[in-house]
Amino acid sequence: AMGWFRQAPGKEREFVAAVLWSGSSTRYA
């Protein structure tokens, strides 16, 4: 899987989105 996370100054790194490499299933915050 590949995922995207983001982190603002002073904040925890948070999940944004992910996609499974086999097929194209996705999930989002």
PDB file of all heavy atoms in Angstrom:
ATOM      1  N   ALA A   1       0.833  -1.182   0.000  1.00  0.00           N
ATOM      2  CA  ALA A   1       0.000   0.000   0.000  1.00  0.00           C
ATOM      3  C   ALA A   1       0.873   1.240   0.000  1.00  0.00           C
ATOM      4  O   ALA A   1       2.013   1.226   0.482  1.00  0.00           O
ATOM      5  CB  ALA A   1      -0.927   0.018   1.218  1.00  0.00           C
ATOM      6  N   MET A   2       0.325   2.297  -0.540  1.00  0.00           N
ATOM      7  CA  MET A   2       0.958   3.602  -0.474  1.00  0.00           C
ATOM      8  C   MET A   2       0.001   4.534   0.245  1.00  0.00           C
ATOM      9  O   MET A   2      -1.209   4.468   0.041  1.00  0.00           O
ATOM     10  CB  MET A   2       1.263   4.137  -1.861  1.00  0.00           C
ATOM     11  CG  MET A   2       2.257   3.296  -2.643  1.00  0.00           C
ATOM     12  SD  MET A   2       3.973   3.620  -2.138  1.00  0.00           S
ATOM     13  CE  MET A   2       4.305   5.103  -3.091  1.00  0.00           C
ATOM     14  N   GLY A   3       0.557   5.369   1.062  1.00  0.00           N
ATOM     15  CA  GLY A   3      -0.271   6.284   1.826  1.00  0.00           C
ATOM     16  C   GLY A   3       0.274   7.695   1.825  1.00  0.00           C
ATOM     17  O   GLY A   3       1.447   7.928   1.533  1.00  0.00           O
ATOM     18  N   TRP A   4      -0.608   8.602   2.129  1.00  0.00           N
ATOM     19  CA  TRP A   4      -0.240   9.998   2.306  1.00  0.00           C
ATOM     20  C   TRP A   4      -0.593  10.425   3.723  1.00  0.00           C
ATOM     21  O   TRP A   4      -1.698  10.151   4.211  1.00  0.00           O
ATOM     22  CB  TRP A   4      -0.958  10.905   1.311  1.00  0.00           C
ATOM     23  CG  TRP A   4      -0.453  10.800  -0.092  1.00  0.00           C
ATOM     24  CD1 TRP A   4      -0.960  10.036  -1.094  1.00  0.00           C
ATOM     25  CD2 TRP A   4       0.661  11.498  -0.648  1.00  0.00           C
ATOM     26  NE1 TRP A   4      -0.234  10.209  -2.247  1.00  0.00           N
ATOM     27  CE2 TRP A   4       0.770  11.107  -1.996  1.00  0.00           C
ATOM     28  CE3 TRP A   4       1.576  12.424  -0.145  1.00  0.00           C
ATOM     29  CZ2 TRP A   4       1.755  11.603  -2.849  1.00  0.00           C
ATOM     30  CZ3 TRP A   4       2.560  12.914  -0.984  1.00  0.00           C
ATOM     31  CH2 TRP A   4       2.641  12.500  -2.320  1.00  0.00           C
ATOM     32  N   PHE A   5       0.342  11.087   4.363  1.00  0.00           N
ATOM     33  CA  PHE A   5       0.149  11.671   5.673  1.00  0.00           C
ATOM     34  C   PHE A   5       0.517  13.140   5.596  1.00  0.00           C
ATOM     35  O   PHE A   5       1.194  13.576   4.669  1.00  0.00           O
ATOM     36  CB  PHE A   5       1.015  10.971   6.721  1.00  0.00           C
ATOM     37  CG  PHE A   5       0.586   9.569   7.041  1.00  0.00           C
ATOM     38  CD1 PHE A   5       0.821   8.535   6.149  1.00  0.00           C
ATOM     39  CD2 PHE A   5      -0.043   9.286   8.238  1.00  0.00           C
ATOM     40  CE1 PHE A   5       0.434   7.241   6.437  1.00  0.00           C
ATOM     41  CE2 PHE A   5      -0.433   7.990   8.549  1.00  0.00           C
ATOM     42  CZ  PHE A   5      -0.197   6.969   7.648  1.00  0.00           C
ATOM     43  N   ARG A   6       0.091  13.889   6.579  1.00  0.00           N
ATOM     44  CA  ARG A   6       0.462  15.295   6.622  1.00  0.00           C
ATOM     45  C   ARG A   6       0.717  15.712   8.062  1.00  0.00           C
ATOM     46  O   ARG A   6       0.177  15.148   9.003  1.00  0.00           O
ATOM     47  CB  ARG A   6      -0.606  16.188   5.992  1.00  0.00           C
ATOM     48  CG  ARG A   6      -1.924  16.230   6.744  1.00  0.00           C
ATOM     49  CD  ARG A   6      -2.959  17.026   5.942  1.00  0.00           C
ATOM     50  NE  ARG A   6      -4.216  17.154   6.659  1.00  0.00           N
ATOM     51  CZ  ARG A   6      -5.307  17.709   6.144  1.00  0.00           C
ATOM     52  NH1 ARG A   6      -5.288  18.187   4.900  1.00  0.00           N
ATOM     53  NH2 ARG A   6      -6.411  17.788   6.875  1.00  0.00           N
ATOM     54  N   GLN A   7       1.552  16.726   8.199  1.00  0.00           N
ATOM     55  CA  GLN A   7       1.898  17.212   9.520  1.00  0.00           C
ATOM     56  C   GLN A   7       2.036  18.725   9.491  1.00  0.00           C
ATOM     57  O   GLN A   7       2.872  19.270   8.776  1.00  0.00           O
ATOM     58  CB  GLN A   7       3.194  16.576  10.015  1.00  0.00           C
ATOM     59  CG  GLN A   7       3.540  16.916  11.443  1.00  0.00           C
ATOM     60  CD  GLN A   7       4.667  16.053  11.975  1.00  0.00           C
ATOM     61  OE1 GLN A   7       5.458  15.504  11.209  1.00  0.00           O
ATOM     62  NE2 GLN A   7       4.737  15.911  13.282  1.00  0.00           N
ATOM     63  N   ALA A   8       1.211  19.376  10.258  1.00  0.00           N
ATOM     64  CA  ALA A   8       1.287  20.817  10.418  1.00  0.00           C
ATOM     65  C   ALA A   8       2.207  21.133  11.590  1.00  0.00           C
ATOM     66  O   ALA A   8       2.410  20.299  12.475  1.00  0.00           O
ATOM     67  CB  ALA A   8      -0.106  21.399  10.654  1.00  0.00           C
ATOM     68  N   PRO A   9       2.772  22.335  11.627  1.00  0.00           N
ATOM     69  CA  PRO A   9       3.666  22.698  12.734  1.00  0.00           C
ATOM     70  C   PRO A   9       2.992  22.518  14.082  1.00  0.00           C
ATOM     71  O   PRO A   9       1.867  22.971  14.300  1.00  0.00           O
ATOM     72  CB  PRO A   9       3.973  24.168  12.460  1.00  0.00           C
ATOM     73  CG  PRO A   9       3.831  24.306  10.980  1.00  0.00           C
ATOM     74  CD  PRO A   9       2.685  23.403  10.622  1.00  0.00           C
ATOM     75  N   GLY A  10       3.675  21.835  14.973  1.00  0.00           N
ATOM     76  CA  GLY A  10       3.152  21.614  16.309  1.00  0.00           C
ATOM     77  C   GLY A  10       2.075  20.557  16.406  1.00  0.00           C
ATOM     78  O   GLY A  10       1.531  20.347  17.495  1.00  0.00           O
ATOM     79  N   LYS A  11       1.762  19.908  15.303  1.00  0.00           N
ATOM     80  CA  LYS A  11       0.714  18.904  15.291  1.00  0.00           C
ATOM     81  C   LYS A  11       1.286  17.518  15.040  1.00  0.00           C
ATOM     82  O   LYS A  11       2.407  17.364  14.559  1.00  0.00           O
ATOM     83  CB  LYS A  11      -0.320  19.227  14.216  1.00  0.00           C
ATOM     84  CG  LYS A  11      -0.991  20.586  14.365  1.00  0.00           C
ATOM     85  CD  LYS A  11      -1.931  20.611  15.538  1.00  0.00           C
ATOM     86  CE  LYS A  11      -2.677  21.938  15.609  1.00  0.00           C
ATOM     87  NZ  LYS A  11      -3.553  22.140  14.434  1.00  0.00           N
ATOM     88  N   GLU A  12       0.494  16.513  15.361  1.00  0.00           N
ATOM     89  CA  GLU A  12       0.873  15.142  15.079  1.00  0.00           C
ATOM     90  C   GLU A  12       0.706  14.863  13.592  1.00  0.00           C
ATOM     91  O   GLU A  12      -0.127  15.468  12.919  1.00  0.00           O
ATOM     92  CB  GLU A  12       0.009  14.172  15.888  1.00  0.00           C
ATOM     93  CG  GLU A  12       0.179  14.274  17.385  1.00  0.00           C
ATOM     94  CD  GLU A  12       1.509  13.732  17.840  1.00  0.00           C
ATOM     95  OE1 GLU A  12       2.027  12.801  17.197  1.00  0.00           O
ATOM     96  OE2 GLU A  12       2.042  14.245  18.839  1.00  0.00           O
ATOM     97  N   ARG A  13       1.513  13.935  13.103  1.00  0.00           N
ATOM     98  CA  ARG A  13       1.360  13.513  11.726  1.00  0.00           C
ATOM     99  C   ARG A  13       0.070  12.710  11.595  1.00  0.00           C
ATOM    100  O   ARG A  13      -0.150  11.752  12.343  1.00  0.00           O
ATOM    101  CB  ARG A  13       2.557  12.673  11.292  1.00  0.00           C
ATOM    102  CG  ARG A  13       2.603  12.373   9.813  1.00  0.00           C
ATOM    103  CD  ARG A  13       3.924  11.722   9.416  1.00  0.00           C
ATOM    104  NE  ARG A  13       5.062  12.581   9.703  1.00  0.00           N
ATOM    105  CZ  ARG A  13       6.311  12.306   9.346  1.00  0.00           C
ATOM    106  NH1 ARG A  13       6.584  11.187   8.687  1.00  0.00           N
ATOM    107  NH2 ARG A  13       7.283  13.149   9.659  1.00  0.00           N
ATOM    108  N   GLU A  14      -0.773  13.095  10.651  1.00  0.00           N
ATOM    109  CA  GLU A  14      -2.069  12.467  10.526  1.00  0.00           C
ATOM    110  C   GLU A  14      -2.271  11.815   9.169  1.00  0.00           C
ATOM    111  O   GLU A  14      -1.735  12.257   8.152  1.00  0.00           O
ATOM    112  CB  GLU A  14      -3.191  13.485  10.779  1.00  0.00           C
ATOM    113  CG  GLU A  14      -3.273  14.593   9.752  1.00  0.00           C
ATOM    114  CD  GLU A  14      -4.459  15.507   9.972  1.00  0.00           C
ATOM    115  OE1 GLU A  14      -5.286  15.218  10.861  1.00  0.00           O
ATOM    116  OE2 GLU A  14      -4.566  16.524   9.252  1.00  0.00           O
ATOM    117  N   PHE A  15      -3.068  10.787   9.181  1.00  0.00           N
ATOM    118  CA  PHE A  15      -3.401  10.053   7.980  1.00  0.00           C
ATOM    119  C   PHE A  15      -4.260  10.889   7.061  1.00  0.00           C
ATOM    120  O   PHE A  15      -5.168  11.597   7.504  1.00  0.00           O
ATOM    121  CB  PHE A  15      -4.148   8.772   8.364  1.00  0.00           C
ATOM    122  CG  PHE A  15      -4.739   8.031   7.207  1.00  0.00           C
ATOM    123  CD1 PHE A  15      -3.945   7.239   6.396  1.00  0.00           C
ATOM    124  CD2 PHE A  15      -6.093   8.113   6.935  1.00  0.00           C
ATOM    125  CE1 PHE A  15      -4.493   6.546   5.328  1.00  0.00           C
ATOM    126  CE2 PHE A  15      -6.654   7.432   5.880  1.00  0.00           C
ATOM    127  CZ  PHE A  15      -5.843   6.643   5.071  1.00  0.00           C
ATOM    128  N   VAL A  16      -3.972  10.795   5.767  1.00  0.00           N
ATOM    129  CA  VAL A  16      -4.745  11.507   4.769  1.00  0.00           C
ATOM    130  C   VAL A  16      -5.468  10.542   3.841  1.00  0.00           C
ATOM    131  O   VAL A  16      -6.683  10.620   3.667  1.00  0.00           O
ATOM    132  CB  VAL A  16      -3.862  12.457   3.933  1.00  0.00           C
ATOM    133  CG1 VAL A  16      -4.671  13.109   2.818  1.00  0.00           C
ATOM    134  CG2 VAL A  16      -3.238  13.525   4.831  1.00  0.00           C
ATOM    135  N   ALA A  17      -4.714   9.632   3.226  1.00  0.00           N
ATOM    136  CA  ALA A  17      -5.301   8.709   2.264  1.00  0.00           C
ATOM    137  C   ALA A  17      -4.357   7.541   2.047  1.00  0.00           C
ATOM    138  O   ALA A  17      -3.162   7.640   2.295  1.00  0.00           O
ATOM    139  CB  ALA A  17      -5.586   9.407   0.934  1.00  0.00           C
ATOM    140  N   ALA A  18      -4.901   6.446   1.550  1.00  0.00           N
ATOM    141  CA  ALA A  18      -4.093   5.284   1.228  1.00  0.00           C
ATOM    142  C   ALA A  18      -4.718   4.537   0.066  1.00  0.00           C
ATOM    143  O   ALA A  18      -5.936   4.606  -0.148  1.00  0.00           O
ATOM    144  CB  ALA A  18      -3.948   4.352   2.432  1.00  0.00           C
ATOM    145  N   VAL A  19      -3.892   3.834  -0.677  1.00  0.00           N
ATOM    146  CA  VAL A  19      -4.350   3.022  -1.789  1.00  0.00           C
ATOM    147  C   VAL A  19      -3.615   1.692  -1.752  1.00  0.00           C
ATOM    148  O   VAL A  19      -2.395   1.652  -1.540  1.00  0.00           O
ATOM    149  CB  VAL A  19      -4.136   3.749  -3.140  1.00  0.00           C
ATOM    150  CG1 VAL A  19      -2.665   4.091  -3.371  1.00  0.00           C
ATOM    151  CG2 VAL A  19      -4.672   2.914  -4.287  1.00  0.00           C
ATOM    152  N   LEU A  20      -4.340   0.613  -1.964  1.00  0.00           N
ATOM    153  CA  LEU A  20      -3.712  -0.688  -2.082  1.00  0.00           C
ATOM    154  C   LEU A  20      -3.082  -0.816  -3.446  1.00  0.00           C
ATOM    155  O   LEU A  20      -3.642  -0.359  -4.445  1.00  0.00           O
ATOM    156  CB  LEU A  20      -4.738  -1.806  -1.872  1.00  0.00           C
ATOM    157  CG  LEU A  20      -5.415  -1.870  -0.505  1.00  0.00           C
ATOM    158  CD1 LEU A  20      -6.313  -3.099  -0.428  1.00  0.00           C
ATOM    159  CD2 LEU A  20      -4.390  -1.897   0.614  1.00  0.00           C
ATOM    160  N   TRP A  21      -1.900  -1.450  -3.491  1.00  0.00           N
ATOM    161  CA  TRP A  21      -1.173  -1.529  -4.744  1.00  0.00           C
ATOM    162  C   TRP A  21      -1.772  -2.546  -5.697  1.00  0.00           C
ATOM    163  O   TRP A  21      -1.661  -2.393  -6.913  1.00  0.00           O
ATOM    164  CB  TRP A  21       0.299  -1.853  -4.469  1.00  0.00           C
ATOM    165  CG  TRP A  21       1.211  -1.221  -5.461  1.00  0.00           C
ATOM    166  CD1 TRP A  21       2.038  -1.849  -6.337  1.00  0.00           C
ATOM    167  CD2 TRP A  21       1.393   0.179  -5.685  1.00  0.00           C
ATOM    168  NE1 TRP A  21       2.713  -0.941  -7.088  1.00  0.00           N
ATOM    169  CE2 TRP A  21       2.352   0.322  -6.715  1.00  0.00           C
ATOM    170  CE3 TRP A  21       0.835   1.328  -5.112  1.00  0.00           C
ATOM    171  CZ2 TRP A  21       2.758   1.564  -7.185  1.00  0.00           C
ATOM    172  CZ3 TRP A  21       1.244   2.565  -5.584  1.00  0.00           C
ATOM    173  CH2 TRP A  21       2.193   2.669  -6.603  1.00  0.00           C
ATOM    174  N   SER A  22      -2.358  -3.559  -5.172  1.00  0.00           N
ATOM    175  CA  SER A  22      -3.056  -4.537  -5.987  1.00  0.00           C
ATOM    176  C   SER A  22      -4.524  -4.141  -6.047  1.00  0.00           C
ATOM    177  O   SER A  22      -5.206  -4.107  -5.018  1.00  0.00           O
ATOM    178  CB  SER A  22      -2.902  -5.941  -5.401  1.00  0.00           C
ATOM    179  OG  SER A  22      -3.583  -6.895  -6.185  1.00  0.00           O
ATOM    180  N   GLY A  23      -4.985  -3.846  -7.237  1.00  0.00           N
ATOM    181  CA  GLY A  23      -6.313  -3.299  -7.362  1.00  0.00           C
ATOM    182  C   GLY A  23      -6.242  -1.795  -7.179  1.00  0.00           C
ATOM    183  O   GLY A  23      -5.204  -1.170  -7.423  1.00  0.00           O
ATOM    184  N   SER A  24      -7.339  -1.219  -6.747  1.00  0.00           N
ATOM    185  CA  SER A  24      -7.362   0.227  -6.591  1.00  0.00           C
ATOM    186  C   SER A  24      -8.221   0.676  -5.428  1.00  0.00           C
ATOM    187  O   SER A  24      -8.797   1.775  -5.463  1.00  0.00           O
ATOM    188  CB  SER A  24      -7.855   0.881  -7.889  1.00  0.00           C
ATOM    189  OG  SER A  24      -9.118   0.388  -8.270  1.00  0.00           O
ATOM    190  N   SER A  25      -8.318  -0.132  -4.406  1.00  0.00           N
ATOM    191  CA  SER A  25      -9.095   0.245  -3.232  1.00  0.00           C
ATOM    192  C   SER A  25      -8.434   1.421  -2.533  1.00  0.00           C
ATOM    193  O   SER A  25      -7.212   1.462  -2.386  1.00  0.00           O
ATOM    194  CB  SER A  25      -9.215  -0.933  -2.270  1.00  0.00           C
ATOM    195  OG  SER A  25      -9.941  -1.994  -2.857  1.00  0.00           O
ATOM    196  N   THR A  26      -9.231   2.349  -2.100  1.00  0.00           N
ATOM    197  CA  THR A  26      -8.731   3.560  -1.465  1.00  0.00           C
ATOM    198  C   THR A  26      -9.496   3.862  -0.187  1.00  0.00           C
ATOM    199  O   THR A  26     -10.629   3.428  -0.005  1.00  0.00           O
ATOM    200  CB  THR A  26      -8.841   4.777  -2.398  1.00  0.00           C
ATOM    201  OG1 THR A  26     -10.217   4.987  -2.748  1.00  0.00           O
ATOM    202  CG2 THR A  26      -8.037   4.557  -3.672  1.00  0.00           C
ATOM    203  N   ARG A  27      -8.858   4.636   0.683  1.00  0.00           N
ATOM    204  CA  ARG A  27      -9.482   5.112   1.905  1.00  0.00           C
ATOM    205  C   ARG A  27      -8.998   6.525   2.166  1.00  0.00           C
ATOM    206  O   ARG A  27      -7.873   6.879   1.814  1.00  0.00           O
ATOM    207  CB  ARG A  27      -9.152   4.209   3.100  1.00  0.00           C
ATOM    208  CG  ARG A  27      -9.776   2.832   3.041  1.00  0.00           C
ATOM    209  CD  ARG A  27     -11.290   2.883   3.182  1.00  0.00           C
ATOM    210  NE  ARG A  27     -11.860   1.546   3.284  1.00  0.00           N
ATOM    211  CZ  ARG A  27     -12.161   0.779   2.233  1.00  0.00           C
ATOM    212  NH1 ARG A  27     -11.934   1.212   1.006  1.00  0.00           N
ATOM    213  NH2 ARG A  27     -12.685  -0.425   2.440  1.00  0.00           N
ATOM    214  N   TYR A  28      -9.857   7.297   2.800  1.00  0.00           N
ATOM    215  CA  TYR A  28      -9.547   8.692   3.066  1.00  0.00           C
ATOM    216  C   TYR A  28      -9.910   9.074   4.485  1.00  0.00           C
ATOM    217  O   TYR A  28     -10.843   8.525   5.078  1.00  0.00           O
ATOM    218  CB  TYR A  28     -10.322   9.610   2.119  1.00  0.00           C
ATOM    219  CG  TYR A  28     -10.026   9.387   0.664  1.00  0.00           C
ATOM    220  CD1 TYR A  28     -10.765   8.486  -0.084  1.00  0.00           C
ATOM    221  CD2 TYR A  28      -8.996  10.088   0.041  1.00  0.00           C
ATOM    222  CE1 TYR A  28     -10.494   8.274  -1.423  1.00  0.00           C
ATOM    223  CE2 TYR A  28      -8.719   9.890  -1.300  1.00  0.00           C
ATOM    224  CZ  TYR A  28      -9.468   8.983  -2.024  1.00  0.00           C
ATOM    225  OH  TYR A  28      -9.187   8.784  -3.360  1.00  0.00           O
ATOM    226  N   ALA A  29      -9.170  10.032   4.999  1.00  0.00           N
ATOM    227  CA  ALA A  29      -9.575  10.649   6.238  1.00  0.00           C
ATOM    228  C   ALA A  29     -10.854  11.432   5.995  1.00  0.00           C
ATOM    229  O   ALA A  29     -11.066  11.988   4.911  1.00  0.00           O
ATOM    230  CB  ALA A  29      -8.475  11.575   6.756  1.00  0.00           C
TER     231      ALA A  29
END
